[in-house]
PDB file of N, CA and C in Angstrom:
ATOM      1  N   MET A   1      -4.718   0.627 -14.177  1.00  0.00           N
ATOM      2  CA  MET A   1      -3.629  -0.028 -13.473  1.00  0.00           C
ATOM      3  C   MET A   1      -3.379   0.681 -12.149  1.00  0.00           C
ATOM      4  N   ILE A   2      -3.068  -0.097 -11.132  1.00  0.00           N
ATOM      5  CA  ILE A   2      -2.685   0.448  -9.836  1.00  0.00           C
ATOM      6  C   ILE A   2      -1.178   0.664  -9.852  1.00  0.00           C
ATOM      7  N   ARG A   3      -0.769   1.844  -9.470  1.00  0.00           N
ATOM      8  CA  ARG A   3       0.666   2.169  -9.389  1.00  0.00           C
ATOM      9  C   ARG A   3       1.024   2.413  -7.928  1.00  0.00           C
ATOM     10  N   VAL A   4       2.043   1.703  -7.467  1.00  0.00           N
ATOM     11  CA  VAL A   4       2.523   1.823  -6.095  1.00  0.00           C
ATOM     12  C   VAL A   4       3.917   2.430  -6.152  1.00  0.00           C
ATOM     13  N   ASN A   5       4.100   3.579  -5.522  1.00  0.00           N
ATOM     14  CA  ASN A   5       5.409   4.225  -5.437  1.00  0.00           C
ATOM     15  C   ASN A   5       5.872   4.178  -3.990  1.00  0.00           C
ATOM     16  N   ILE A   6       7.035   3.585  -3.805  1.00  0.00           N
ATOM     17  CA  ILE A   6       7.571   3.386  -2.458  1.00  0.00           C
ATOM     18  C   ILE A   6       8.847   4.206  -2.295  1.00  0.00           C
ATOM     19  N   LYS A   7       8.823   5.102  -1.325  1.00  0.00           N
ATOM     20  CA  LYS A   7       9.994   5.892  -0.949  1.00  0.00           C
ATOM     21  C   LYS A   7      10.242   5.655   0.528  1.00  0.00           C
ATOM     22  N   LYS A   8      11.341   6.174   1.029  1.00  0.00           N
ATOM     23  CA  LYS A   8      11.695   5.943   2.432  1.00  0.00           C
ATOM     24  C   LYS A   8      10.609   6.412   3.394  1.00  0.00           C
ATOM     25  N   ASN A   9      10.045   7.580   3.138  1.00  0.00           N
ATOM     26  CA  ASN A   9       9.078   8.159   4.069  1.00  0.00           C
ATOM     27  C   ASN A   9       7.666   8.263   3.503  1.00  0.00           C
ATOM     28  N   GLN A  10       7.435   7.676   2.333  1.00  0.00           N
ATOM     29  CA  GLN A  10       6.108   7.790   1.741  1.00  0.00           C
ATOM     30  C   GLN A  10       5.804   6.603   0.822  1.00  0.00           C
ATOM     31  N   ILE A  11       4.597   6.119   0.943  1.00  0.00           N
ATOM     32  CA  ILE A  11       4.094   5.102   0.028  1.00  0.00           C
ATOM     33  C   ILE A  11       2.795   5.641  -0.556  1.00  0.00           C
ATOM     34  N   THR A  12       2.735   5.668  -1.881  1.00  0.00           N
ATOM     35  CA  THR A  12       1.556   6.160  -2.574  1.00  0.00           C
ATOM     36  C   THR A  12       0.997   5.050  -3.453  1.00  0.00           C
ATOM     37  N   ILE A  13      -0.288   4.816  -3.338  1.00  0.00           N
ATOM     38  CA  ILE A  13      -0.986   3.814  -4.140  1.00  0.00           C
ATOM     39  C   ILE A  13      -2.082   4.551  -4.890  1.00  0.00           C
ATOM     40  N   LYS A  14      -1.999   4.537  -6.243  1.00  0.00           N
ATOM     41  CA  LYS A  14      -2.938   5.304  -7.067  1.00  0.00           C
ATOM     42  C   LYS A  14      -3.545   4.419  -8.140  1.00  0.00           C
ATOM     43  N   GLY A  15      -4.772   4.731  -8.473  1.00  0.00           N
ATOM     44  CA  GLY A  15      -5.407   4.131  -9.631  1.00  0.00           C
ATOM     45  C   GLY A  15      -6.334   2.984  -9.289  1.00  0.00           C
ATOM     46  N   HIS A  16      -6.856   2.400 -10.341  1.00  0.00           N
ATOM     47  CA  HIS A  16      -7.751   1.252 -10.233  1.00  0.00           C
ATOM     48  C   HIS A  16      -7.209   0.150 -11.128  1.00  0.00           C
ATOM     49  N   ALA A  17      -7.338  -1.083 -10.701  1.00  0.00           N
ATOM     50  CA  ALA A  17      -6.800  -2.212 -11.454  1.00  0.00           C
ATOM     51  C   ALA A  17      -7.563  -2.443 -12.753  1.00  0.00           C
ATOM     52  N   ASP A  18      -8.863  -2.244 -12.737  1.00  0.00           N
ATOM     53  CA  ASP A  18      -9.716  -2.567 -13.885  1.00  0.00           C
ATOM     54  C   ASP A  18      -9.619  -4.038 -14.269  1.00  0.00           C
ATOM     55  N   TYR A  19      -9.386  -4.872 -13.278  1.00  0.00           N
ATOM     56  CA  TYR A  19      -9.372  -6.322 -13.483  1.00  0.00           C
ATOM     57  C   TYR A  19     -10.787  -6.833 -13.743  1.00  0.00           C
ATOM     58  N   GLU A  20     -11.733  -6.223 -13.045  1.00  0.00           N
ATOM     59  CA  GLU A  20     -13.144  -6.624 -13.135  1.00  0.00           C
ATOM     60  C   GLU A  20     -13.974  -5.384 -12.854  1.00  0.00           C
ATOM     61  N   GLU A  21     -15.265  -5.457 -13.025  1.00  0.00           N
ATOM     62  CA  GLU A  21     -16.140  -4.315 -12.766  1.00  0.00           C
ATOM     63  C   GLU A  21     -16.098  -3.941 -11.278  1.00  0.00           C
ATOM     64  N   PHE A  22     -16.465  -2.702 -11.011  1.00  0.00           N
ATOM     65  CA  PHE A  22     -16.473  -2.181  -9.646  1.00  0.00           C
ATOM     66  C   PHE A  22     -17.296  -3.107  -8.746  1.00  0.00           C
ATOM     67  N   GLY A  23     -16.742  -3.409  -7.588  1.00  0.00           N
ATOM     68  CA  GLY A  23     -17.410  -4.294  -6.641  1.00  0.00           C
ATOM     69  C   GLY A  23     -17.039  -5.750  -6.795  1.00  0.00           C
ATOM     70  N   LYS A  24     -16.376  -6.084  -7.902  1.00  0.00           N
ATOM     71  CA  LYS A  24     -15.954  -7.468  -8.146  1.00  0.00           C
ATOM     72  C   LYS A  24     -14.457  -7.570  -8.445  1.00  0.00           C
ATOM     73  N   ASP A  25     -13.762  -6.459  -8.312  1.00  0.00           N
ATOM     74  CA  ASP A  25     -12.349  -6.407  -8.675  1.00  0.00           C
ATOM     75  C   ASP A  25     -11.488  -6.930  -7.531  1.00  0.00           C
ATOM     76  N   ILE A  26     -11.001  -8.161  -7.666  1.00  0.00           N
ATOM     77  CA  ILE A  26     -10.220  -8.790  -6.601  1.00  0.00           C
ATOM     78  C   ILE A  26      -8.847  -8.158  -6.420  1.00  0.00           C
ATOM     79  N   VAL A  27      -8.299  -7.557  -7.472  1.00  0.00           N
ATOM     80  CA  VAL A  27      -6.991  -6.910  -7.345  1.00  0.00           C
ATOM     81  C   VAL A  27      -7.126  -5.636  -6.512  1.00  0.00           C
ATOM     82  N   CYS A  28      -8.106  -4.807  -6.847  1.00  0.00           N
ATOM     83  CA  CYS A  28      -8.344  -3.585  -6.057  1.00  0.00           C
ATOM     84  C   CYS A  28      -8.669  -3.926  -4.603  1.00  0.00           C
ATOM     85  N   ALA A  29      -9.515  -4.925  -4.426  1.00  0.00           N
ATOM     86  CA  ALA A  29      -9.894  -5.318  -3.066  1.00  0.00           C
ATOM     87  C   ALA A  29      -8.683  -5.809  -2.281  1.00  0.00           C
ATOM     88  N   SER A  30      -7.818  -6.554  -2.924  1.00  0.00           N
ATOM     89  CA  SER A  30      -6.617  -7.065  -2.247  1.00  0.00           C
ATOM     90  C   SER A  30      -5.685  -5.934  -1.844  1.00  0.00           C
ATOM     91  N   VAL A  31      -5.429  -5.010  -2.756  1.00  0.00           N
ATOM     92  CA  VAL A  31      -4.546  -3.881  -2.464  1.00  0.00           C
ATOM     93  C   VAL A  31      -5.116  -3.042  -1.325  1.00  0.00           C
ATOM     94  N   THR A  32      -6.396  -2.751  -1.386  1.00  0.00           N
ATOM     95  CA  THR A  32      -7.037  -1.965  -0.333  1.00  0.00           C
ATOM     96  C   THR A  32      -6.964  -2.676   1.009  1.00  0.00           C
ATOM     97  N   SER A  33      -7.211  -3.957   1.007  1.00  0.00           N
ATOM     98  CA  SER A  33      -7.161  -4.740   2.239  1.00  0.00           C
ATOM     99  C   SER A  33      -5.760  -4.766   2.841  1.00  0.00           C
ATOM    100  N   ILE A  34      -4.761  -4.983   2.011  1.00  0.00           N
ATOM    101  CA  ILE A  34      -3.368  -5.021   2.478  1.00  0.00           C
ATOM    102  C   ILE A  34      -2.979  -3.669   3.083  1.00  0.00           C
ATOM    103  N   ALA A  35      -3.278  -2.586   2.371  1.00  0.00           N
ATOM    104  CA  ALA A  35      -2.902  -1.249   2.845  1.00  0.00           C
ATOM    105  C   ALA A  35      -3.668  -0.867   4.107  1.00  0.00           C
ATOM    106  N   THR A  36      -4.970  -1.117   4.126  1.00  0.00           N
ATOM    107  CA  THR A  36      -5.786  -0.756   5.284  1.00  0.00           C
ATOM    108  C   THR A  36      -5.379  -1.526   6.529  1.00  0.00           C
ATOM    109  N   THR A  37      -5.104  -2.802   6.382  1.00  0.00           N
ATOM    110  CA  THR A  37      -4.663  -3.617   7.514  1.00  0.00           C
ATOM    111  C   THR A  37      -3.345  -3.087   8.075  1.00  0.00           C
ATOM    112  N   THR A  38      -2.424  -2.720   7.188  1.00  0.00           N
ATOM    113  CA  THR A  38      -1.132  -2.181   7.620  1.00  0.00           C
ATOM    114  C   THR A  38      -1.309  -0.842   8.327  1.00  0.00           C
ATOM    115  N   ILE A  39      -2.091   0.038   7.742  1.00  0.00           N
ATOM    116  CA  ILE A  39      -2.336   1.352   8.355  1.00  0.00           C
ATOM    117  C   ILE A  39      -2.954   1.187   9.742  1.00  0.00           C
ATOM    118  N   ASN A  40      -3.969   0.354   9.846  1.00  0.00           N
ATOM    119  CA  ASN A  40      -4.631   0.152  11.142  1.00  0.00           C
ATOM    120  C   ASN A  40      -3.690  -0.438  12.187  1.00  0.00           C
ATOM    121  N   ALA A  41      -2.836  -1.375  11.785  1.00  0.00           N
ATOM    122  CA  ALA A  41      -1.884  -1.975  12.733  1.00  0.00           C
ATOM    123  C   ALA A  41      -0.895  -0.931  13.238  1.00  0.00           C
ATOM    124  N   ILE A  42      -0.378  -0.118  12.332  1.00  0.00           N
ATOM    125  CA  ILE A  42       0.591   0.911  12.744  1.00  0.00           C
ATOM    126  C   ILE A  42      -0.061   1.920  13.682  1.00  0.00           C
ATOM    127  N   ILE A  43      -1.242   2.383  13.341  1.00  0.00           N
ATOM    128  CA  ILE A  43      -1.933   3.361  14.179  1.00  0.00           C
ATOM    129  C   ILE A  43      -2.260   2.779  15.550  1.00  0.00           C
ATOM    130  N   ARG A  44      -2.629   1.526  15.589  1.00  0.00           N
ATOM    131  CA  ARG A  44      -2.939   0.877  16.870  1.00  0.00           C
ATOM    132  C   ARG A  44      -1.692   0.818  17.761  1.00  0.00           C
ATOM    133  N   LEU A  45      -0.515   0.621  17.152  1.00  0.00           N
ATOM    134  CA  LEU A  45       0.723   0.516  17.920  1.00  0.00           C
ATOM    135  C   LEU A  45       1.314   1.879  18.279  1.00  0.00           C
ATOM    136  N   ASP A  46       1.193   2.834  17.345  1.00  0.00           N
ATOM    137  CA  ASP A  46       1.735   4.178  17.583  1.00  0.00           C
ATOM    138  C   ASP A  46       0.972   5.158  16.708  1.00  0.00           C
ATOM    139  N   SER A  47       0.019   5.831  17.286  1.00  0.00           N
ATOM    140  CA  SER A  47      -0.870   6.716  16.524  1.00  0.00           C
ATOM    141  C   SER A  47      -0.144   7.917  15.912  1.00  0.00           C
ATOM    142  N   GLU A  48       1.092   8.168  16.337  1.00  0.00           N
ATOM    143  CA  GLU A  48       1.846   9.296  15.802  1.00  0.00           C
ATOM    144  C   GLU A  48       2.899   8.874  14.782  1.00  0.00           C
ATOM    145  N   ALA A  49       2.963   7.602  14.442  1.00  0.00           N
ATOM    146  CA  ALA A  49       4.009   7.106  13.545  1.00  0.00           C
ATOM    147  C   ALA A  49       3.769   7.469  12.084  1.00  0.00           C
ATOM    148  N   ILE A  50       2.496   7.577  11.691  1.00  0.00           N
ATOM    149  CA  ILE A  50       2.188   7.873  10.289  1.00  0.00           C
ATOM    150  C   ILE A  50       1.034   8.860  10.187  1.00  0.00           C
ATOM    151  N   ASP A  51       0.992   9.520   9.045  1.00  0.00           N
ATOM    152  CA  ASP A  51      -0.188  10.231   8.581  1.00  0.00           C
ATOM    153  C   ASP A  51      -0.620   9.498   7.331  1.00  0.00           C
ATOM    154  N   PHE A  52      -1.911   9.477   7.066  1.00  0.00           N
ATOM    155  CA  PHE A  52      -2.358   8.841   5.836  1.00  0.00           C
ATOM    156  C   PHE A  52      -3.598   9.531   5.317  1.00  0.00           C
ATOM    157  N   LYS A  53      -3.803   9.371   4.031  1.00  0.00           N
ATOM    158  CA  LYS A  53      -5.065   9.798   3.434  1.00  0.00           C
ATOM    159  C   LYS A  53      -5.527   8.696   2.504  1.00  0.00           C
ATOM    160  N   SER A  54      -6.820   8.578   2.436  1.00  0.00           N
ATOM    161  CA  SER A  54      -7.422   7.539   1.616  1.00  0.00           C
ATOM    162  C   SER A  54      -8.647   8.120   0.937  1.00  0.00           C
ATOM    163  N   ASP A  55      -8.688   7.960  -0.361  1.00  0.00           N
ATOM    164  CA  ASP A  55      -9.804   8.450  -1.149  1.00  0.00           C
ATOM    165  C   ASP A  55      -9.979   7.472  -2.306  1.00  0.00           C
ATOM    166  N   ALA A  56     -11.006   7.634  -3.074  1.00  0.00           N
ATOM    167  CA  ALA A  56     -11.235   6.738  -4.213  1.00  0.00           C
ATOM    168  C   ALA A  56     -10.004   6.751  -5.128  1.00  0.00           C
ATOM    169  N   GLY A  57      -9.359   5.620  -5.251  1.00  0.00           N
ATOM    170  CA  GLY A  57      -8.203   5.509  -6.140  1.00  0.00           C
ATOM    171  C   GLY A  57      -6.909   6.051  -5.590  1.00  0.00           C
ATOM    172  N   LEU A  58      -6.859   6.371  -4.288  1.00  0.00           N
ATOM    173  CA  LEU A  58      -5.631   6.914  -3.702  1.00  0.00           C
ATOM    174  C   LEU A  58      -5.496   6.504  -2.244  1.00  0.00           C
ATOM    175  N   ILE A  59      -4.328   5.974  -1.924  1.00  0.00           N
ATOM    176  CA  ILE A  59      -3.926   5.764  -0.530  1.00  0.00           C
ATOM    177  C   ILE A  59      -2.512   6.315  -0.423  1.00  0.00           C
ATOM    178  N   GLU A  60      -2.307   7.200   0.530  1.00  0.00           N
ATOM    179  CA  GLU A  60      -0.977   7.776   0.737  1.00  0.00           C
ATOM    180  C   GLU A  60      -0.601   7.627   2.202  1.00  0.00           C
ATOM    181  N   ILE A  61       0.550   7.042   2.445  1.00  0.00           N
ATOM    182  CA  ILE A  61       1.065   6.852   3.795  1.00  0.00           C
ATOM    183  C   ILE A  61       2.348   7.668   3.929  1.00  0.00           C
ATOM    184  N   ASN A  62       2.374   8.570   4.890  1.00  0.00           N
ATOM    185  CA  ASN A  62       3.572   9.361   5.178  1.00  0.00           C
ATOM    186  C   ASN A  62       4.108   8.933   6.541  1.00  0.00           C
ATOM    187  N   VAL A  63       5.351   8.476   6.549  1.00  0.00           N
ATOM    188  CA  VAL A  63       5.969   8.008   7.792  1.00  0.00           C
ATOM    189  C   VAL A  63       6.572   9.191   8.529  1.00  0.00           C
ATOM    190  N   LYS A  64       6.106   9.401   9.758  1.00  0.00           N
ATOM    191  CA  LYS A  64       6.617  10.488  10.596  1.00  0.00           C
ATOM    192  C   LYS A  64       7.671   9.982  11.585  1.00  0.00           C
ATOM    193  N   LYS A  65       7.531   8.722  12.014  1.00  0.00           N
ATOM    194  CA  LYS A  65       8.464   8.148  12.981  1.00  0.00           C
ATOM    195  C   LYS A  65       8.789   6.711  12.568  1.00  0.00           C
ATOM    196  N   HIS A  66      10.033   6.505  12.191  1.00  0.00           N
ATOM    197  CA  HIS A  66      10.466   5.146  11.875  1.00  0.00           C
ATOM    198  C   HIS A  66      10.800   4.416  13.174  1.00  0.00           C
ATOM    199  N   SER A  67      10.463   3.153  13.209  1.00  0.00           N
ATOM    200  CA  SER A  67      10.866   2.266  14.299  1.00  0.00           C
ATOM    201  C   SER A  67      10.972   0.878  13.697  1.00  0.00           C
ATOM    202  N   ASN A  68      11.548  -0.031  14.440  1.00  0.00           N
ATOM    203  CA  ASN A  68      11.678  -1.395  13.938  1.00  0.00           C
ATOM    204  C   ASN A  68      10.305  -1.972  13.595  1.00  0.00           C
ATOM    205  N   LEU A  69       9.337  -1.749  14.458  1.00  0.00           N
ATOM    206  CA  LEU A  69       7.997  -2.297  14.247  1.00  0.00           C
ATOM    207  C   LEU A  69       7.290  -1.653  13.054  1.00  0.00           C
ATOM    208  N   VAL A  70       7.336  -0.339  12.968  1.00  0.00           N
ATOM    209  CA  VAL A  70       6.700   0.368  11.844  1.00  0.00           C
ATOM    210  C   VAL A  70       7.341  -0.062  10.530  1.00  0.00           C
ATOM    211  N   ASP A  71       8.665  -0.090  10.491  1.00  0.00           N
ATOM    212  CA  ASP A  71       9.362  -0.475   9.264  1.00  0.00           C
ATOM    213  C   ASP A  71       9.082  -1.927   8.888  1.00  0.00           C
ATOM    214  N   THR A  72       8.949  -2.800   9.876  1.00  0.00           N
ATOM    215  CA  THR A  72       8.625  -4.204   9.603  1.00  0.00           C
ATOM    216  C   THR A  72       7.227  -4.334   9.007  1.00  0.00           C
ATOM    217  N   LEU A  73       6.274  -3.608   9.555  1.00  0.00           N
ATOM    218  CA  LEU A  73       4.909  -3.648   9.015  1.00  0.00           C
ATOM    219  C   LEU A  73       4.856  -3.092   7.593  1.00  0.00           C
ATOM    220  N   LEU A  74       5.569  -2.014   7.328  1.00  0.00           N
ATOM    221  CA  LEU A  74       5.603  -1.451   5.982  1.00  0.00           C
ATOM    222  C   LEU A  74       6.314  -2.387   5.009  1.00  0.00           C
ATOM    223  N   LEU A  75       7.372  -3.038   5.454  1.00  0.00           N
ATOM    224  CA  LEU A  75       8.057  -4.014   4.614  1.00  0.00           C
ATOM    225  C   LEU A  75       7.134  -5.187   4.294  1.00  0.00           C
ATOM    226  N   ASN A  76       6.397  -5.639   5.287  1.00  0.00           N
ATOM    227  CA  ASN A  76       5.440  -6.726   5.071  1.00  0.00           C
ATOM    228  C   ASN A  76       4.390  -6.314   4.030  1.00  0.00           C
ATOM    229  N   MET A  77       3.875  -5.100   4.145  1.00  0.00           N
ATOM    230  CA  MET A  77       2.903  -4.608   3.176  1.00  0.00           C
ATOM    231  C   MET A  77       3.507  -4.590   1.771  1.00  0.00           C
ATOM    232  N   THR A  78       4.724  -4.094   1.668  1.00  0.00           N
ATOM    233  CA  THR A  78       5.411  -4.029   0.383  1.00  0.00           C
ATOM    234  C   THR A  78       5.596  -5.420  -0.219  1.00  0.00           C
ATOM    235  N   GLU A  79       6.002  -6.369   0.589  1.00  0.00           N
ATOM    236  CA  GLU A  79       6.203  -7.734   0.102  1.00  0.00           C
ATOM    237  C   GLU A  79       4.890  -8.369  -0.348  1.00  0.00           C
ATOM    238  N   LEU A  80       3.812  -8.117   0.371  1.00  0.00           N
ATOM    239  CA  LEU A  80       2.503  -8.631  -0.035  1.00  0.00           C
ATOM    240  C   LEU A  80       2.065  -8.028  -1.369  1.00  0.00           C
ATOM    241  N   LEU A  81       2.280  -6.738  -1.540  1.00  0.00           N
ATOM    242  CA  LEU A  81       1.944  -6.094  -2.805  1.00  0.00           C
ATOM    243  C   LEU A  81       2.795  -6.633  -3.950  1.00  0.00           C
ATOM    244  N   LYS A  82       4.064  -6.921  -3.690  1.00  0.00           N
ATOM    245  CA  LYS A  82       4.932  -7.508  -4.718  1.00  0.00           C
ATOM    246  C   LYS A  82       4.459  -8.897  -5.122  1.00  0.00           C
ATOM    247  N   GLU A  83       3.987  -9.663  -4.173  1.00  0.00           N
ATOM    248  CA  GLU A  83       3.432 -10.993  -4.486  1.00  0.00           C
ATOM    249  C   GLU A  83       2.205 -10.856  -5.377  1.00  0.00           C
ATOM    250  N   LEU A  84       1.379  -9.879  -5.087  1.00  0.00           N
ATOM    251  CA  LEU A  84       0.200  -9.615  -5.906  1.00  0.00           C
ATOM    252  C   LEU A  84       0.619  -9.191  -7.315  1.00  0.00           C
ATOM    253  N   GLU A  85       1.650  -8.372  -7.397  1.00  0.00           N
ATOM    254  CA  GLU A  85       2.154  -7.911  -8.695  1.00  0.00           C
ATOM    255  C   GLU A  85       2.630  -9.088  -9.551  1.00  0.00           C
ATOM    256  N   LYS A  86       3.246 -10.088  -8.941  1.00  0.00           N
ATOM    257  CA  LYS A  86       3.712 -11.264  -9.690  1.00  0.00           C
ATOM    258  C   LYS A  86       2.563 -11.965 -10.412  1.00  0.00           C
ATOM    259  N   ASP A  87       1.418 -12.045  -9.751  1.00  0.00           N
ATOM    260  CA  ASP A  87       0.272 -12.758 -10.318  1.00  0.00           C
ATOM    261  C   ASP A  87      -0.597 -11.889 -11.226  1.00  0.00           C
ATOM    262  N   TYR A  88      -0.518 -10.570 -11.064  1.00  0.00           N
ATOM    263  CA  TYR A  88      -1.408  -9.663 -11.812  1.00  0.00           C
ATOM    264  C   TYR A  88      -0.614  -8.505 -12.418  1.00  0.00           C
ATOM    265  N   LYS A  89       0.412  -8.826 -13.198  1.00  0.00           N
ATOM    266  CA  LYS A  89       1.321  -7.820 -13.755  1.00  0.00           C
ATOM    267  C   LYS A  89       0.631  -6.750 -14.597  1.00  0.00           C
ATOM    268  N   LYS A  90      -0.454  -7.106 -15.239  1.00  0.00           N
ATOM    269  CA  LYS A  90      -1.165  -6.144 -16.082  1.00  0.00           C
ATOM    270  C   LYS A  90      -1.984  -5.150 -15.264  1.00  0.00           C
ATOM    271  N   TYR A  91      -2.121  -5.401 -13.957  1.00  0.00           N
ATOM    272  CA  TYR A  91      -3.053  -4.628 -13.155  1.00  0.00           C
ATOM    273  C   TYR A  91      -2.416  -3.856 -12.000  1.00  0.00           C
ATOM    274  N   ILE A  92      -1.178  -4.194 -11.656  1.00  0.00           N
ATOM    275  CA  ILE A  92      -0.484  -3.504 -10.564  1.00  0.00           C
ATOM    276  C   ILE A  92       1.006  -3.407 -10.892  1.00  0.00           C
ATOM    277  N   LYS A  93       1.560  -2.219 -10.699  1.00  0.00           N
ATOM    278  CA  LYS A  93       2.980  -1.967 -10.967  1.00  0.00           C
ATOM    279  C   LYS A  93       3.575  -1.274  -9.755  1.00  0.00           C
ATOM    280  N   ILE A  94       4.704  -1.802  -9.279  1.00  0.00           N
ATOM    281  CA  ILE A  94       5.367  -1.249  -8.104  1.00  0.00           C
ATOM    282  C   ILE A  94       6.687  -0.611  -8.517  1.00  0.00           C
ATOM    283  N   ASN A  95       6.900   0.610  -8.072  1.00  0.00           N
ATOM    284  CA  ASN A  95       8.144   1.327  -8.287  1.00  0.00           C
ATOM    285  C   ASN A  95       8.730   1.622  -6.915  1.00  0.00           C
ATOM    286  N   GLU A  96       9.901   1.081  -6.659  1.00  0.00           N
ATOM    287  CA  GLU A  96      10.532   1.251  -5.351  1.00  0.00           C
ATOM    288  C   GLU A  96      11.801   2.072  -5.506  1.00  0.00           C
ATOM    289  N   GLU A  97      11.856   3.192  -4.796  1.00  0.00           N
ATOM    290  CA  GLU A  97      13.034   4.046  -4.820  1.00  0.00           C
ATOM    291  C   GLU A  97      14.156   3.352  -4.058  1.00  0.00           C
ATOM    292  N   VAL A  98      15.282   3.206  -4.695  1.00  0.00           N
ATOM    293  CA  VAL A  98      16.429   2.568  -4.047  1.00  0.00           C
ATOM    294  C   VAL A  98      17.254   3.661  -3.385  1.00  0.00           C
ATOM    295  N   LEU A  99      17.519   3.458  -2.090  1.00  0.00           N
ATOM    296  CA  LEU A  99      18.283   4.474  -1.337  1.00  0.00           C
ATOM    297  C   LEU A  99      19.731   4.095  -1.252  1.00  0.00           C
TER     298      LEU A  99
END
């Protein structure tokens, strides 16, 4: 299962969906695509706004500078992941820290 933990200054995505075999897993591919697109957009707009690391089964985004644009992109990513969670509850779980 993919676990997404959302905090004010950090988003962590860990694990594998195990929806299908490696290379055919549409849930993993979707999560990776959503996160990578968001990371690339933020870096293109402000290369100092975030730090991130990406490895097999892990994506971590650390927000260094909040702005309306950065927060909007992160909110969009979160909403897309929540939509995915609705359709694939057995494969992705989102935990959002309420501030």
